Protein backbone atom coordinates (compact mmCIF):
# COMPACT_ATOMS: atom_id res chain seq x y z
CA MET A 1 0.71 -10.67 9.49
CA THR A 2 1.90 -7.46 11.13
CA ASP A 3 0.65 -6.87 14.67
CA ILE A 4 -1.36 -3.61 14.88
CA ASN A 5 0.21 -3.07 18.32
CA SER A 6 3.65 -2.71 16.74
CA PRO A 7 4.67 0.91 16.23
CA LEU A 8 3.21 1.54 12.77
CA GLU A 9 2.52 4.98 11.38
CA ALA A 10 1.00 6.17 8.11
CA LEU A 11 3.17 8.67 6.27
CA VAL A 12 1.75 10.77 3.45
CA GLU A 13 3.89 11.10 0.32
CA GLY A 14 7.12 9.79 1.84
CA SER A 15 9.88 8.46 -0.38
CA VAL A 16 10.64 4.74 -0.12
CA SER A 17 13.95 3.11 -0.96
CA MET A 18 13.37 0.23 -3.40
CA PRO A 19 16.77 -1.38 -3.97
CA PRO A 20 18.71 -1.59 -6.09
CA HIS A 21 17.96 1.69 -7.93
CA THR A 22 14.32 2.70 -7.47
CA VAL A 23 12.70 5.26 -5.19
CA THR A 24 8.90 5.40 -5.04
CA GLU A 25 6.66 8.06 -3.55
CA PRO A 26 3.43 6.33 -2.53
CA ASP A 27 0.50 8.46 -1.42
CA ILE A 28 0.49 6.62 1.92
CA ALA A 29 3.21 4.38 3.37
CA VAL A 30 2.45 2.43 6.54
CA THR A 31 5.83 1.95 8.19
CA ALA A 32 7.46 0.82 11.40
CA GLU A 33 10.14 3.50 10.98
CA PRO A 34 8.33 6.85 10.64
CA GLU A 35 11.16 8.90 12.13
CA GLY A 36 14.57 9.40 10.65
CA ASP A 37 16.47 11.11 7.93
CA GLY A 38 16.23 10.19 4.30
CA LEU A 39 14.20 7.50 2.61
CA ILE A 40 11.75 5.13 4.28
CA PRO A 41 13.48 1.73 4.46
CA LEU A 42 11.79 -0.95 2.36
CA ALA A 43 12.03 -3.48 5.20
CA SER A 44 9.91 -1.22 7.44
CA LEU A 45 6.89 -1.14 5.10
CA ALA A 46 3.74 -2.91 6.21
CA MET A 47 1.51 -1.52 3.46
CA VAL A 48 1.42 1.00 0.62
CA VAL A 49 -1.62 2.94 -0.64
CA GLU A 50 -1.86 4.79 -3.95
CA VAL A 51 -4.76 7.12 -4.77
CA ALA A 52 -5.53 6.93 -8.48
CA ASP A 53 -7.52 9.47 -10.42
CA SER A 54 -5.68 9.66 -13.72
CA THR A 55 -2.95 7.15 -12.77
CA LEU A 56 -4.99 3.95 -12.38
CA ASP A 57 -3.29 1.98 -15.17
CA ASN A 58 0.17 2.90 -13.84
CA ASP A 59 -0.78 2.09 -10.23
CA LEU A 60 -2.27 -1.30 -11.16
CA GLY A 61 0.52 -2.07 -13.63
CA ARG A 62 4.03 -0.70 -13.19
CA LYS A 63 3.72 0.27 -9.52
CA GLN A 64 2.08 -3.03 -8.56
CA ALA A 65 5.01 -4.85 -10.18
CA ILE A 66 7.50 -2.70 -8.25
CA TYR A 67 5.78 -3.18 -4.87
CA ALA A 68 5.12 -6.90 -5.35
CA GLY A 69 8.66 -7.42 -6.65
CA ALA A 70 9.96 -5.71 -3.50
CA SER A 71 7.73 -7.96 -1.32
CA VAL A 72 5.63 -5.14 0.15
CA PRO A 73 3.09 -7.24 2.12
CA GLU A 74 -0.08 -5.37 1.14
CA TYR A 75 -0.94 -2.82 -1.55
CA TRP A 76 -4.14 -0.80 -1.97
CA VAL A 77 -5.10 1.31 -4.98
CA VAL A 78 -7.95 3.74 -4.35
CA ASP A 79 -9.74 4.11 -7.72
CA VAL A 80 -11.38 7.53 -7.41
CA GLN A 81 -13.30 7.31 -10.71
CA GLY A 82 -14.50 3.72 -10.20
CA GLU A 83 -15.24 4.29 -6.49
CA ILE A 84 -13.51 1.08 -5.45
CA ILE A 85 -10.37 0.06 -3.62
CA HIS A 86 -8.19 -2.62 -5.19
CA GLN A 87 -6.72 -4.54 -2.26
CA MET A 88 -3.76 -6.83 -2.98
CA TRP A 89 -1.61 -9.04 -0.77
CA LYS A 90 0.66 -12.10 -0.90
CA PRO A 91 3.35 -10.83 -3.29
CA GLU A 92 4.76 -13.45 -5.66
CA GLY A 93 7.30 -12.20 -8.14
CA GLU A 94 5.93 -9.02 -9.70
CA VAL A 95 2.26 -9.70 -8.91
CA TYR A 96 0.05 -10.12 -5.88
CA ALA A 97 -1.43 -13.63 -5.68
CA GLN A 98 -4.47 -12.49 -3.67
CA ARG A 99 -6.73 -9.55 -4.41
CA ARG A 100 -10.23 -8.23 -3.97
CA GLN A 101 -12.19 -5.06 -4.66
CA ILE A 102 -14.03 -3.10 -1.98
CA ALA A 103 -16.68 -0.57 -3.05
CA PHE A 104 -16.70 2.88 -1.51
CA GLY A 105 -19.18 2.83 1.37
CA GLN A 106 -17.96 -0.51 2.74
CA THR A 107 -15.35 -1.04 5.43
CA ILE A 108 -12.03 -2.41 4.23
CA GLY A 109 -9.90 -4.49 6.56
CA ALA A 110 -6.19 -5.00 6.08
CA VAL A 111 -5.25 -8.62 5.55
CA THR A 112 -1.64 -8.29 6.73
CA ILE A 113 -2.10 -5.81 9.62
CA ALA A 114 -4.25 -7.28 12.37
CA GLY A 115 -7.01 -4.96 13.57
CA LEU A 116 -6.63 -2.30 10.87
CA SER A 117 -9.85 -1.35 9.13
CA VAL A 118 -10.97 1.77 7.30
CA ALA A 119 -14.56 2.95 6.80
CA THR A 120 -14.88 4.21 3.24
CA ASN A 121 -18.29 5.88 3.52
CA ARG A 122 -16.63 9.34 3.38
CA LEU A 123 -14.41 8.77 0.37
């Protein structure tokens, strides 16, 4: 679990280095290295969030496999049409072993970042 007191920052639409040859552009990347030139280092990621309107299948399929395969600790997909957040953690291979869905209007708490919660009543 990442300590919320560590210097984490949410970056919107930053590019993340996913070795060996992939670069992703998540909607939100929570990182311990927000400053610097170039790509966000994979090792600095605490969490990734994708907002899905027309990209839900891709975000829950291909992108989930990329993030889990790269051992990103926690991954959220905000399903705009379904009004739910798919919360995933505990990457194992190309899947997340743990997951739950949080309906818009409820508060979602990060599993891997202590003290981080987001009220979704305004989504």
